[in-house]
PDB file of all heavy atoms in Angstrom:
ATOM      1  N   ARG A   1       0.830  -1.233   0.025  1.00  0.00           N
ATOM      2  CA  ARG A   1       0.021  -0.008  -0.015  1.00  0.00           C
ATOM      3  C   ARG A   1       0.825   1.248   0.009  1.00  0.00           C
ATOM      4  O   ARG A   1       0.514   2.269  -0.640  1.00  0.00           O
ATOM      5  CB  ARG A   1      -0.966  -0.049   1.208  1.00  0.00           C
ATOM      6  CG  ARG A   1      -2.019  -1.087   1.069  1.00  0.00           C
ATOM      7  CD  ARG A   1      -2.945  -1.108   2.296  1.00  0.00           C
ATOM      8  NE  ARG A   1      -4.003  -2.137   2.183  1.00  0.00           N
ATOM      9  CZ  ARG A   1      -5.194  -1.869   1.683  1.00  0.00           C
ATOM     10  NH1 ARG A   1      -5.528  -0.644   1.233  1.00  0.00           N
ATOM     11  NH2 ARG A   1      -6.123  -2.823   1.546  1.00  0.00           N
ATOM     12  N   ILE A   2       1.983   1.232   0.715  1.00  0.00           N
ATOM     13  CA  ILE A   2       2.891   2.372   0.721  1.00  0.00           C
ATOM     14  C   ILE A   2       3.464   2.607  -0.691  1.00  0.00           C
ATOM     15  O   ILE A   2       3.496   3.747  -1.186  1.00  0.00           O
ATOM     16  CB  ILE A   2       4.052   2.114   1.721  1.00  0.00           C
ATOM     17  CG1 ILE A   2       3.563   2.187   3.129  1.00  0.00           C
ATOM     18  CG2 ILE A   2       5.174   3.145   1.455  1.00  0.00           C
ATOM     19  CD1 ILE A   2       4.576   1.777   4.160  1.00  0.00           C
ATOM     20  N   GLN A   3       3.835   1.560  -1.373  1.00  0.00           N
ATOM     21  CA  GLN A   3       4.377   1.696  -2.682  1.00  0.00           C
ATOM     22  C   GLN A   3       3.332   2.235  -3.642  1.00  0.00           C
ATOM     23  O   GLN A   3       3.620   3.047  -4.506  1.00  0.00           O
ATOM     24  CB  GLN A   3       4.866   0.336  -3.214  1.00  0.00           C
ATOM     25  CG  GLN A   3       6.125  -0.145  -2.517  1.00  0.00           C
ATOM     26  CD  GLN A   3       6.463  -1.628  -2.909  1.00  0.00           C
ATOM     27  OE1 GLN A   3       5.660  -2.334  -3.502  1.00  0.00           O
ATOM     28  NE2 GLN A   3       7.700  -2.025  -2.580  1.00  0.00           N
ATOM     29  N   ALA A   4       2.075   1.756  -3.491  1.00  0.00           N
ATOM     30  CA  ALA A   4       0.988   2.222  -4.403  1.00  0.00           C
ATOM     31  C   ALA A   4       0.746   3.699  -4.182  1.00  0.00           C
ATOM     32  O   ALA A   4       0.531   4.510  -5.120  1.00  0.00           O
ATOM     33  CB  ALA A   4      -0.262   1.420  -4.134  1.00  0.00           C
ATOM     34  N   ILE A   5       0.767   4.176  -2.902  1.00  0.00           N
ATOM     35  CA  ILE A   5       0.519   5.558  -2.644  1.00  0.00           C
ATOM     36  C   ILE A   5       1.630   6.436  -3.194  1.00  0.00           C
ATOM     37  O   ILE A   5       1.414   7.429  -3.873  1.00  0.00           O
ATOM     38  CB  ILE A   5       0.433   5.794  -1.098  1.00  0.00           C
ATOM     39  CG1 ILE A   5      -0.898   5.157  -0.559  1.00  0.00           C
ATOM     40  CG2 ILE A   5       0.437   7.281  -0.766  1.00  0.00           C
ATOM     41  CD1 ILE A   5      -0.942   5.128   0.976  1.00  0.00           C
ATOM     42  N   LEU A   6       2.863   6.045  -2.953  1.00  0.00           N
ATOM     43  CA  LEU A   6       4.000   6.852  -3.390  1.00  0.00           C
ATOM     44  C   LEU A   6       4.158   6.864  -4.866  1.00  0.00           C
ATOM     45  O   LEU A   6       4.649   7.845  -5.477  1.00  0.00           O
ATOM     46  CB  LEU A   6       5.312   6.327  -2.733  1.00  0.00           C
ATOM     47  CG  LEU A   6       5.380   6.480  -1.243  1.00  0.00           C
ATOM     48  CD1 LEU A   6       6.715   5.852  -0.686  1.00  0.00           C
ATOM     49  CD2 LEU A   6       5.329   7.932  -0.763  1.00  0.00           C
ATOM     50  N   ARG A   7       3.668   5.790  -5.560  1.00  0.00           N
ATOM     51  CA  ARG A   7       3.715   5.707  -7.017  1.00  0.00           C
ATOM     52  C   ARG A   7       2.858   6.834  -7.668  1.00  0.00           C
ATOM     53  O   ARG A   7       3.175   7.312  -8.763  1.00  0.00           O
ATOM     54  CB  ARG A   7       3.264   4.323  -7.495  1.00  0.00           C
ATOM     55  CG  ARG A   7       3.513   4.073  -8.956  1.00  0.00           C
ATOM     56  CD  ARG A   7       2.985   2.685  -9.313  1.00  0.00           C
ATOM     57  NE  ARG A   7       3.555   1.670  -8.430  1.00  0.00           N
ATOM     58  CZ  ARG A   7       2.820   0.764  -7.754  1.00  0.00           C
ATOM     59  NH1 ARG A   7       1.486   0.860  -7.848  1.00  0.00           N
ATOM     60  NH2 ARG A   7       3.398  -0.108  -7.015  1.00  0.00           N
ATOM     61  N   ARG A   8       1.789   7.176  -6.983  1.00  0.00           N
ATOM     62  CA  ARG A   8       0.926   8.199  -7.563  1.00  0.00           C
ATOM     63  C   ARG A   8       1.634   9.517  -7.835  1.00  0.00           C
ATOM     64  O   ARG A   8       1.411  10.113  -8.831  1.00  0.00           O
ATOM     65  CB  ARG A   8      -0.258   8.503  -6.614  1.00  0.00           C
ATOM     66  CG  ARG A   8      -1.285   7.407  -6.513  1.00  0.00           C
ATOM     67  CD  ARG A   8      -2.682   8.034  -6.250  1.00  0.00           C
ATOM     68  NE  ARG A   8      -2.622   9.177  -5.402  1.00  0.00           N
ATOM     69  CZ  ARG A   8      -2.762   9.158  -4.100  1.00  0.00           C
ATOM     70  NH1 ARG A   8      -2.942   8.030  -3.481  1.00  0.00           N
ATOM     71  NH2 ARG A   8      -2.736  10.273  -3.361  1.00  0.00           N
ATOM     72  N   ARG A   9       2.488   9.916  -6.910  1.00  0.00           N
ATOM     73  CA  ARG A   9       3.189  11.194  -7.093  1.00  0.00           C
ATOM     74  C   ARG A   9       4.125  11.110  -8.314  1.00  0.00           C
ATOM     75  O   ARG A   9       4.208  12.049  -9.081  1.00  0.00           O
ATOM     76  CB  ARG A   9       4.021  11.496  -5.856  1.00  0.00           C
ATOM     77  CG  ARG A   9       4.831  12.806  -5.997  1.00  0.00           C
ATOM     78  CD  ARG A   9       5.435  13.186  -4.627  1.00  0.00           C
ATOM     79  NE  ARG A   9       4.356  13.601  -3.708  1.00  0.00           N
ATOM     80  CZ  ARG A   9       4.656  13.789  -2.409  1.00  0.00           C
ATOM     81  NH1 ARG A   9       5.807  13.597  -1.928  1.00  0.00           N
ATOM     82  NH2 ARG A   9       3.629  14.114  -1.609  1.00  0.00           N
ATOM     83  N   ARG A  10       4.774   9.990  -8.511  1.00  0.00           N
ATOM     84  CA  ARG A  10       5.619   9.811  -9.643  1.00  0.00           C
ATOM     85  C   ARG A  10       4.849   9.879 -10.992  1.00  0.00           C
ATOM     86  O   ARG A  10       5.272  10.430 -11.943  1.00  0.00           O
ATOM     87  CB  ARG A  10       6.431   8.538  -9.602  1.00  0.00           C
ATOM     88  CG  ARG A  10       7.441   8.478  -8.405  1.00  0.00           C
ATOM     89  CD  ARG A  10       8.440   7.347  -8.658  1.00  0.00           C
ATOM     90  NE  ARG A  10       7.770   6.040  -8.556  1.00  0.00           N
ATOM     91  CZ  ARG A  10       7.634   5.354  -7.409  1.00  0.00           C
ATOM     92  NH1 ARG A  10       8.016   5.889  -6.309  1.00  0.00           N
ATOM     93  NH2 ARG A  10       7.108   4.215  -7.420  1.00  0.00           N
ATOM     94  N   ILE A  11       3.646   9.268 -10.955  1.00  0.00           N
ATOM     95  CA  ILE A  11       2.798   9.281 -12.102  1.00  0.00           C
ATOM     96  C   ILE A  11       2.337  10.695 -12.498  1.00  0.00           C
ATOM     97  O   ILE A  11       2.400  11.117 -13.599  1.00  0.00           O
ATOM     98  CB  ILE A  11       1.588   8.376 -11.910  1.00  0.00           C
ATOM     99  CG1 ILE A  11       2.060   6.882 -11.875  1.00  0.00           C
ATOM    100  CG2 ILE A  11       0.533   8.561 -13.036  1.00  0.00           C
ATOM    101  CD1 ILE A  11       0.992   5.923 -11.505  1.00  0.00           C
ATOM    102  N   ILE A  12       1.906  11.449 -11.480  1.00  0.00           N
ATOM    103  CA  ILE A  12       1.448  12.777 -11.728  1.00  0.00           C
ATOM    104  C   ILE A  12       2.612  13.641 -12.260  1.00  0.00           C
ATOM    105  O   ILE A  12       2.424  14.389 -13.239  1.00  0.00           O
ATOM    106  CB  ILE A  12       0.887  13.433 -10.433  1.00  0.00           C
ATOM    107  CG1 ILE A  12      -0.381  12.669  -9.975  1.00  0.00           C
ATOM    108  CG2 ILE A  12       0.548  14.908 -10.613  1.00  0.00           C
ATOM    109  CD1 ILE A  12      -1.524  12.720 -10.955  1.00  0.00           C
ATOM    110  N   LYS A  13       3.782  13.541 -11.666  1.00  0.00           N
ATOM    111  CA  LYS A  13       4.867  14.344 -12.118  1.00  0.00           C
ATOM    112  C   LYS A  13       5.410  13.949 -13.530  1.00  0.00           C
ATOM    113  O   LYS A  13       5.905  14.736 -14.231  1.00  0.00           O
ATOM    114  CB  LYS A  13       6.047  14.241 -11.115  1.00  0.00           C
ATOM    115  CG  LYS A  13       5.703  15.018  -9.809  1.00  0.00           C
ATOM    116  CD  LYS A  13       6.965  15.088  -8.910  1.00  0.00           C
ATOM    117  CE  LYS A  13       6.680  15.948  -7.705  1.00  0.00           C
ATOM    118  NZ  LYS A  13       7.819  16.056  -6.799  1.00  0.00           N
ATOM    119  N   SER A  14       5.220  12.665 -13.849  1.00  0.00           N
ATOM    120  CA  SER A  14       5.690  12.180 -15.185  1.00  0.00           C
ATOM    121  C   SER A  14       4.864  12.664 -16.320  1.00  0.00           C
ATOM    122  O   SER A  14       5.194  12.506 -17.477  1.00  0.00           O
ATOM    123  CB  SER A  14       5.750  10.659 -15.153  1.00  0.00           C
ATOM    124  OG  SER A  14       4.459  10.091 -15.149  1.00  0.00           O
ATOM    125  N   VAL A  15       3.676  13.307 -16.005  1.00  0.00           N
ATOM    126  CA  VAL A  15       2.797  13.759 -17.073  1.00  0.00           C
ATOM    127  C   VAL A  15       3.490  14.843 -17.920  1.00  0.00           C
ATOM    128  O   VAL A  15       3.202  15.036 -19.081  1.00  0.00           O
ATOM    129  CB  VAL A  15       1.482  14.297 -16.480  1.00  0.00           C
ATOM    130  CG1 VAL A  15       0.632  14.956 -17.543  1.00  0.00           C
ATOM    131  CG2 VAL A  15       0.690  13.164 -15.852  1.00  0.00           C
ATOM    132  N   GLY A  16       4.408  15.541 -17.285  1.00  0.00           N
ATOM    133  CA  GLY A  16       5.200  16.497 -18.041  1.00  0.00           C
ATOM    134  C   GLY A  16       5.178  17.897 -17.380  1.00  0.00           C
ATOM    135  O   GLY A  16       5.858  18.834 -17.850  1.00  0.00           O
ATOM    136  N   GLY A  17       4.479  18.019 -16.269  1.00  0.00           N
ATOM    137  CA  GLY A  17       4.565  19.290 -15.522  1.00  0.00           C
ATOM    138  C   GLY A  17       3.769  20.381 -16.211  1.00  0.00           C
ATOM    139  O   GLY A  17       4.005  21.585 -15.949  1.00  0.00           O
ATOM    140  N   GLU A  18       2.824  20.056 -17.103  1.00  0.00           N
ATOM    141  CA  GLU A  18       2.078  21.095 -17.820  1.00  0.00           C
ATOM    142  C   GLU A  18       0.989  21.719 -16.993  1.00  0.00           C
ATOM    143  O   GLU A  18       0.161  21.040 -16.392  1.00  0.00           O
ATOM    144  CB  GLU A  18       1.473  20.459 -19.088  1.00  0.00           C
ATOM    145  CG  GLU A  18       0.668  21.488 -19.839  1.00  0.00           C
ATOM    146  CD  GLU A  18      -0.077  20.859 -21.061  1.00  0.00           C
ATOM    147  OE1 GLU A  18       0.122  19.576 -21.236  1.00  0.00           O
ATOM    148  OE2 GLU A  18      -0.808  21.585 -21.770  1.00  0.00           O
ATOM    149  N   THR A  19       1.011  23.048 -16.838  1.00  0.00           N
ATOM    150  CA  THR A  19       0.016  23.733 -16.081  1.00  0.00           C
ATOM    151  C   THR A  19      -1.232  23.729 -16.916  1.00  0.00           C
ATOM    152  O   THR A  19      -1.243  24.048 -18.100  1.00  0.00           O
ATOM    153  CB  THR A  19       0.444  25.199 -15.809  1.00  0.00           C
ATOM    154  OG1 THR A  19       1.600  25.155 -14.963  1.00  0.00           O
ATOM    155  CG2 THR A  19      -0.695  25.980 -15.096  1.00  0.00           C
ATOM    156  N   LEU A  20      -2.368  23.447 -16.265  1.00  0.00           N
ATOM    157  CA  LEU A  20      -3.694  23.436 -16.882  1.00  0.00           C
ATOM    158  C   LEU A  20      -4.444  24.618 -16.552  1.00  0.00           C
ATOM    159  O   LEU A  20      -4.685  24.909 -15.350  1.00  0.00           O
ATOM    160  CB  LEU A  20      -4.460  22.148 -16.497  1.00  0.00           C
ATOM    161  CG  LEU A  20      -3.763  20.845 -16.703  1.00  0.00           C
ATOM    162  CD1 LEU A  20      -4.647  19.654 -16.159  1.00  0.00           C
ATOM    163  CD2 LEU A  20      -3.405  20.594 -18.142  1.00  0.00           C
ATOM    164  N   ASP A  21      -4.780  25.458 -17.578  1.00  0.00           N
ATOM    165  CA  ASP A  21      -5.422  26.757 -17.330  1.00  0.00           C
ATOM    166  C   ASP A  21      -6.806  26.729 -17.934  1.00  0.00           C
ATOM    167  O   ASP A  21      -6.967  26.641 -19.179  1.00  0.00           O
ATOM    168  CB  ASP A  21      -4.583  27.871 -17.960  1.00  0.00           C
ATOM    169  CG  ASP A  21      -5.025  29.263 -17.585  1.00  0.00           C
ATOM    170  OD1 ASP A  21      -6.236  29.392 -17.147  1.00  0.00           O
ATOM    171  OD2 ASP A  21      -4.220  30.218 -17.627  1.00  0.00           O
ATOM    172  N   PHE A  22      -7.804  26.871 -17.067  1.00  0.00           N
ATOM    173  CA  PHE A  22      -9.205  26.874 -17.506  1.00  0.00           C
ATOM    174  C   PHE A  22      -9.865  28.210 -17.237  1.00  0.00           C
ATOM    175  O   PHE A  22     -11.107  28.272 -16.974  1.00  0.00           O
ATOM    176  CB  PHE A  22      -9.970  25.719 -16.865  1.00  0.00           C
ATOM    177  CG  PHE A  22      -9.368  24.367 -17.140  1.00  0.00           C
ATOM    178  CD1 PHE A  22      -8.649  23.726 -16.168  1.00  0.00           C
ATOM    179  CD2 PHE A  22      -9.536  23.760 -18.384  1.00  0.00           C
ATOM    180  CE1 PHE A  22      -8.024  22.462 -16.407  1.00  0.00           C
ATOM    181  CE2 PHE A  22      -8.992  22.495 -18.630  1.00  0.00           C
ATOM    182  CZ  PHE A  22      -8.251  21.877 -17.659  1.00  0.00           C
ATOM    183  N   GLY A  23      -9.096  29.271 -17.213  1.00  0.00           N
ATOM    184  CA  GLY A  23      -9.597  30.539 -16.966  1.00  0.00           C
ATOM    185  C   GLY A  23      -9.703  30.874 -15.454  1.00  0.00           C
ATOM    186  O   GLY A  23      -8.728  31.325 -14.811  1.00  0.00           O
ATOM    187  N   ASP A  24     -10.821  30.548 -14.871  1.00  0.00           N
ATOM    188  CA  ASP A  24     -11.014  30.786 -13.421  1.00  0.00           C
ATOM    189  C   ASP A  24     -10.319  29.708 -12.628  1.00  0.00           C
ATOM    190  O   ASP A  24     -10.137  29.885 -11.413  1.00  0.00           O
ATOM    191  CB  ASP A  24     -12.505  30.829 -13.091  1.00  0.00           C
ATOM    192  CG  ASP A  24     -13.237  29.486 -13.379  1.00  0.00           C
ATOM    193  OD1 ASP A  24     -13.042  28.960 -14.455  1.00  0.00           O
ATOM    194  OD2 ASP A  24     -13.899  29.013 -12.460  1.00  0.00           O
ATOM    195  N   LEU A  25      -9.940  28.565 -13.260  1.00  0.00           N
ATOM    196  CA  LEU A  25      -9.293  27.474 -12.531  1.00  0.00           C
ATOM    197  C   LEU A  25      -7.975  27.167 -13.148  1.00  0.00           C
ATOM    198  O   LEU A  25      -7.891  26.902 -14.354  1.00  0.00           O
ATOM    199  CB  LEU A  25     -10.203  26.199 -12.581  1.00  0.00           C
ATOM    200  CG  LEU A  25      -9.605  24.947 -11.967  1.00  0.00           C
ATOM    201  CD1 LEU A  25      -9.410  25.105 -10.471  1.00  0.00           C
ATOM    202  CD2 LEU A  25     -10.517  23.784 -12.259  1.00  0.00           C
ATOM    203  N   VAL A  26      -6.921  27.197 -12.345  1.00  0.00           N
ATOM    204  CA  VAL A  26      -5.531  26.914 -12.845  1.00  0.00           C
ATOM    205  C   VAL A  26      -4.906  25.822 -11.940  1.00  0.00           C
ATOM    206  O   VAL A  26      -4.959  25.943 -10.718  1.00  0.00           O
ATOM    207  CB  VAL A  26      -4.639  28.138 -12.829  1.00  0.00           C
ATOM    208  CG1 VAL A  26      -3.246  27.824 -13.280  1.00  0.00           C
ATOM    209  CG2 VAL A  26      -5.250  29.249 -13.662  1.00  0.00           C
ATOM    210  N   ILE A  27      -4.429  24.756 -12.597  1.00  0.00           N
ATOM    211  CA  ILE A  27      -3.839  23.632 -11.855  1.00  0.00           C
ATOM    212  C   ILE A  27      -2.386  23.471 -12.262  1.00  0.00           C
ATOM    213  O   ILE A  27      -2.079  23.194 -13.440  1.00  0.00           O
ATOM    214  CB  ILE A  27      -4.620  22.346 -12.204  1.00  0.00           C
ATOM    215  CG1 ILE A  27      -6.105  22.518 -11.968  1.00  0.00           C
ATOM    216  CG2 ILE A  27      -4.139  21.189 -11.289  1.00  0.00           C
ATOM    217  CD1 ILE A  27      -6.977  21.390 -12.536  1.00  0.00           C
ATOM    218  N   ASN A  28      -1.478  23.687 -11.310  1.00  0.00           N
ATOM    219  CA  ASN A  28      -0.064  23.593 -11.588  1.00  0.00           C
ATOM    220  C   ASN A  28       0.515  22.371 -10.931  1.00  0.00           C
ATOM    221  O   ASN A  28       0.676  22.346  -9.702  1.00  0.00           O
ATOM    222  CB  ASN A  28       0.622  24.886 -11.020  1.00  0.00           C
ATOM    223  CG  ASN A  28       2.082  24.897 -11.404  1.00  0.00           C
ATOM    224  OD1 ASN A  28       2.758  23.900 -11.739  1.00  0.00           O
ATOM    225  ND2 ASN A  28       2.688  26.087 -11.372  1.00  0.00           N
ATOM    226  N   PRO A  29       0.956  21.334 -11.751  1.00  0.00           N
ATOM    227  CA  PRO A  29       1.463  20.106 -11.127  1.00  0.00           C
ATOM    228  C   PRO A  29       2.881  20.233 -10.573  1.00  0.00           C
ATOM    229  O   PRO A  29       3.307  19.459  -9.800  1.00  0.00           O
ATOM    230  CB  PRO A  29       1.401  19.066 -12.291  1.00  0.00           C
ATOM    231  CG  PRO A  29       1.557  19.950 -13.513  1.00  0.00           C
ATOM    232  CD  PRO A  29       0.838  21.216 -13.169  1.00  0.00           C
ATOM    233  N   GLU A  30       3.588  21.231 -11.052  1.00  0.00           N
ATOM    234  CA  GLU A  30       4.960  21.415 -10.596  1.00  0.00           C
ATOM    235  C   GLU A  30       5.063  21.734  -9.097  1.00  0.00           C
ATOM    236  O   GLU A  30       5.830  21.093  -8.359  1.00  0.00           O
ATOM    237  CB  GLU A  30       5.689  22.518 -11.398  1.00  0.00           C
ATOM    238  CG  GLU A  30       7.197  22.636 -11.144  1.00  0.00           C
ATOM    239  CD  GLU A  30       7.957  21.462 -11.550  1.00  0.00           C
ATOM    240  OE1 GLU A  30       7.504  20.793 -12.528  1.00  0.00           O
ATOM    241  OE2 GLU A  30       9.014  21.204 -10.978  1.00  0.00           O
ATOM    242  N   ASN A  31       4.257  22.644  -8.688  1.00  0.00           N
ATOM    243  CA  ASN A  31       4.257  22.962  -7.283  1.00  0.00           C
ATOM    244  C   ASN A  31       2.912  22.464  -6.621  1.00  0.00           C
ATOM    245  O   ASN A  31       2.616  22.831  -5.436  1.00  0.00           O
ATOM    246  CB  ASN A  31       4.374  24.500  -7.019  1.00  0.00           C
ATOM    247  CG  ASN A  31       3.301  25.308  -7.730  1.00  0.00           C
ATOM    248  OD1 ASN A  31       2.318  24.800  -8.182  1.00  0.00           O
ATOM    249  ND2 ASN A  31       3.575  26.613  -7.824  1.00  0.00           N
ATOM    250  N   ARG A  32       2.125  21.674  -7.397  1.00  0.00           N
ATOM    251  CA  ARG A  32       0.884  21.106  -6.917  1.00  0.00           C
ATOM    252  C   ARG A  32      -0.029  22.152  -6.264  1.00  0.00           C
ATOM    253  O   ARG A  32      -0.597  22.002  -5.212  1.00  0.00           O
ATOM    254  CB  ARG A  32       1.193  19.991  -5.890  1.00  0.00           C
ATOM    255  CG  ARG A  32       1.979  18.864  -6.534  1.00  0.00           C
ATOM    256  CD  ARG A  32       2.369  17.798  -5.525  1.00  0.00           C
ATOM    257  NE  ARG A  32       1.240  17.020  -5.016  1.00  0.00           N
ATOM    258  CZ  ARG A  32       0.660  15.984  -5.592  1.00  0.00           C
ATOM    259  NH1 ARG A  32       1.120  15.567  -6.760  1.00  0.00           N
ATOM    260  NH2 ARG A  32      -0.335  15.348  -5.022  1.00  0.00           N
ATOM    261  N   GLU A  33      -0.191  23.251  -7.014  1.00  0.00           N
ATOM    262  CA  GLU A  33      -0.995  24.377  -6.557  1.00  0.00           C
ATOM    263  C   GLU A  33      -2.251  24.493  -7.448  1.00  0.00           C
ATOM    264  O   GLU A  33      -2.206  24.355  -8.660  1.00  0.00           O
ATOM    265  CB  GLU A  33      -0.221  25.681  -6.631  1.00  0.00           C
ATOM    266  CG  GLU A  33      -0.925  26.834  -6.162  1.00  0.00           C
ATOM    267  CD  GLU A  33      -0.126  28.166  -6.218  1.00  0.00           C
ATOM    268  OE1 GLU A  33       0.435  28.432  -7.314  1.00  0.00           O
ATOM    269  OE2 GLU A  33       0.001  28.842  -5.190  1.00  0.00           O
ATOM    270  N   VAL A  34      -3.337  24.805  -6.829  1.00  0.00           N
ATOM    271  CA  VAL A  34      -4.612  25.052  -7.541  1.00  0.00           C
ATOM    272  C   VAL A  34      -5.076  26.469  -7.158  1.00  0.00           C
ATOM    273  O   VAL A  34      -5.067  26.827  -5.983  1.00  0.00           O
ATOM    274  CB  VAL A  34      -5.691  24.004  -7.089  1.00  0.00           C
ATOM    275  CG1 VAL A  34      -7.050  24.338  -7.743  1.00  0.00           C
ATOM    276  CG2 VAL A  34      -5.223  22.609  -7.573  1.00  0.00           C
ATOM    277  N   LYS A  35      -5.487  27.222  -8.179  1.00  0.00           N
ATOM    278  CA  LYS A  35      -6.032  28.518  -7.927  1.00  0.00           C
ATOM    279  C   LYS A  35      -7.354  28.701  -8.576  1.00  0.00           C
ATOM    280  O   LYS A  35      -7.609  28.236  -9.703  1.00  0.00           O
ATOM    281  CB  LYS A  35      -5.017  29.556  -8.501  1.00  0.00           C
ATOM    282  CG  LYS A  35      -3.781  29.761  -7.704  1.00  0.00           C
ATOM    283  CD  LYS A  35      -2.943  30.931  -8.269  1.00  0.00           C
ATOM    284  CE  LYS A  35      -1.645  31.134  -7.441  1.00  0.00           C
ATOM    285  NZ  LYS A  35      -0.853  32.298  -7.958  1.00  0.00           N
ATOM    286  N   VAL A  36      -8.309  29.306  -7.805  1.00  0.00           N
ATOM    287  CA  VAL A  36      -9.630  29.653  -8.334  1.00  0.00           C
ATOM    288  C   VAL A  36      -9.732  31.151  -8.288  1.00  0.00           C
ATOM    289  O   VAL A  36      -9.675  31.754  -7.217  1.00  0.00           O
ATOM    290  CB  VAL A  36     -10.758  29.021  -7.498  1.00  0.00           C
ATOM    291  CG1 VAL A  36     -12.096  29.495  -8.028  1.00  0.00           C
ATOM    292  CG2 VAL A  36     -10.665  27.513  -7.565  1.00  0.00           C
ATOM    293  N   LYS A  37      -9.791  31.791  -9.487  1.00  0.00           N
ATOM    294  CA  LYS A  37      -9.794  33.239  -9.633  1.00  0.00           C
ATOM    295  C   LYS A  37      -8.598  33.852  -8.849  1.00  0.00           C
ATOM    296  O   LYS A  37      -8.780  34.799  -8.055  1.00  0.00           O
ATOM    297  CB  LYS A  37     -11.139  33.793  -9.094  1.00  0.00           C
ATOM    298  CG  LYS A  37     -12.293  33.631 -10.056  1.00  0.00           C
ATOM    299  CD  LYS A  37     -13.528  34.397  -9.672  1.00  0.00           C
ATOM    300  CE  LYS A  37     -14.626  34.326 -10.727  1.00  0.00           C
ATOM    301  NZ  LYS A  37     -14.239  34.982 -11.955  1.00  0.00           N
ATOM    302  N   THR A  38      -7.444  33.321  -9.123  1.00  0.00           N
ATOM    303  CA  THR A  38      -6.152  33.708  -8.560  1.00  0.00           C
ATOM    304  C   THR A  38      -5.968  33.483  -7.028  1.00  0.00           C
ATOM    305  O   THR A  38      -4.924  33.669  -6.525  1.00  0.00           O
ATOM    306  CB  THR A  38      -5.862  35.267  -8.779  1.00  0.00           C
ATOM    307  OG1 THR A  38      -6.706  36.074  -7.951  1.00  0.00           O
ATOM    308  CG2 THR A  38      -6.117  35.625 -10.251  1.00  0.00           C
ATOM    309  N   GLN A  39      -6.999  32.910  -6.408  1.00  0.00           N
ATOM    310  CA  GLN A  39      -6.851  32.555  -4.957  1.00  0.00           C
ATOM    311  C   GLN A  39      -6.425  31.125  -4.843  1.00  0.00           C
ATOM    312  O   GLN A  39      -7.034  30.223  -5.452  1.00  0.00           O
ATOM    313  CB  GLN A  39      -8.228  32.762  -4.295  1.00  0.00           C
ATOM    314  CG  GLN A  39      -8.204  32.442  -2.778  1.00  0.00           C
ATOM    315  CD  GLN A  39      -9.513  32.640  -2.117  1.00  0.00           C
ATOM    316  OE1 GLN A  39     -10.458  33.132  -2.704  1.00  0.00           O
ATOM    317  NE2 GLN A  39      -9.600  32.197  -0.862  1.00  0.00           N
ATOM    318  N   SER A  40      -5.386  30.885  -4.047  1.00  0.00           N
ATOM    319  CA  SER A  40      -4.865  29.574  -3.828  1.00  0.00           C
ATOM    320  C   SER A  40      -5.872  28.737  -3.030  1.00  0.00           C
ATOM    321  O   SER A  40      -6.395  29.192  -2.017  1.00  0.00           O
ATOM    322  CB  SER A  40      -3.569  29.555  -3.113  1.00  0.00           C
ATOM    323  OG  SER A  40      -2.525  30.158  -3.939  1.00  0.00           O
ATOM    324  N   ILE A  41      -6.045  27.463  -3.474  1.00  0.00           N
ATOM    325  CA  ILE A  41      -6.980  26.570  -2.805  1.00  0.00           C
ATOM    326  C   ILE A  41      -6.210  25.372  -2.263  1.00  0.00           C
ATOM    327  O   ILE A  41      -5.367  24.821  -2.951  1.00  0.00           O
ATOM    328  CB  ILE A  41      -8.057  26.044  -3.820  1.00  0.00           C
ATOM    329  CG1 ILE A  41      -8.810  27.196  -4.450  1.00  0.00           C
ATOM    330  CG2 ILE A  41      -9.047  25.049  -3.114  1.00  0.00           C
ATOM    331  CD1 ILE A  41      -9.597  28.065  -3.490  1.00  0.00           C
ATOM    332  N   THR A  42      -6.440  25.018  -1.045  1.00  0.00           N
ATOM    333  CA  THR A  42      -5.757  23.914  -0.382  1.00  0.00           C
ATOM    334  C   THR A  42      -6.472  22.597  -0.685  1.00  0.00           C
ATOM    335  O   THR A  42      -7.628  22.404  -0.268  1.00  0.00           O
ATOM    336  CB  THR A  42      -5.640  24.130   1.145  1.00  0.00           C
ATOM    337  OG1 THR A  42      -4.924  25.343   1.373  1.00  0.00           O
ATOM    338  CG2 THR A  42      -4.887  22.934   1.776  1.00  0.00           C
ATOM    339  N   LEU A  43      -5.785  21.691  -1.345  1.00  0.00           N
ATOM    340  CA  LEU A  43      -6.317  20.364  -1.615  1.00  0.00           C
ATOM    341  C   LEU A  43      -5.381  19.359  -0.948  1.00  0.00           C
ATOM    342  O   LEU A  43      -4.135  19.605  -0.800  1.00  0.00           O
ATOM    343  CB  LEU A  43      -6.356  20.034  -3.122  1.00  0.00           C
ATOM    344  CG  LEU A  43      -7.246  20.891  -4.027  1.00  0.00           C
ATOM    345  CD1 LEU A  43      -7.187  20.391  -5.446  1.00  0.00           C
ATOM    346  CD2 LEU A  43      -8.675  20.858  -3.529  1.00  0.00           C
TER     347      LEU A  43
END
C-alpha cells in the first residue's frame, strides 16, 4: 500500500509538468498548486 501511494506522485509528475489553465481554474502540477480566480485553494 505504501508503494502504491508513493507511485501516484511519480505518475502525476511524469505527465510533463504542464500547467492546466481553464480561466477561473488553474492547476499547476509542478508545485501542486490550484488557484480559483487567482486565490490559492488547499487540496
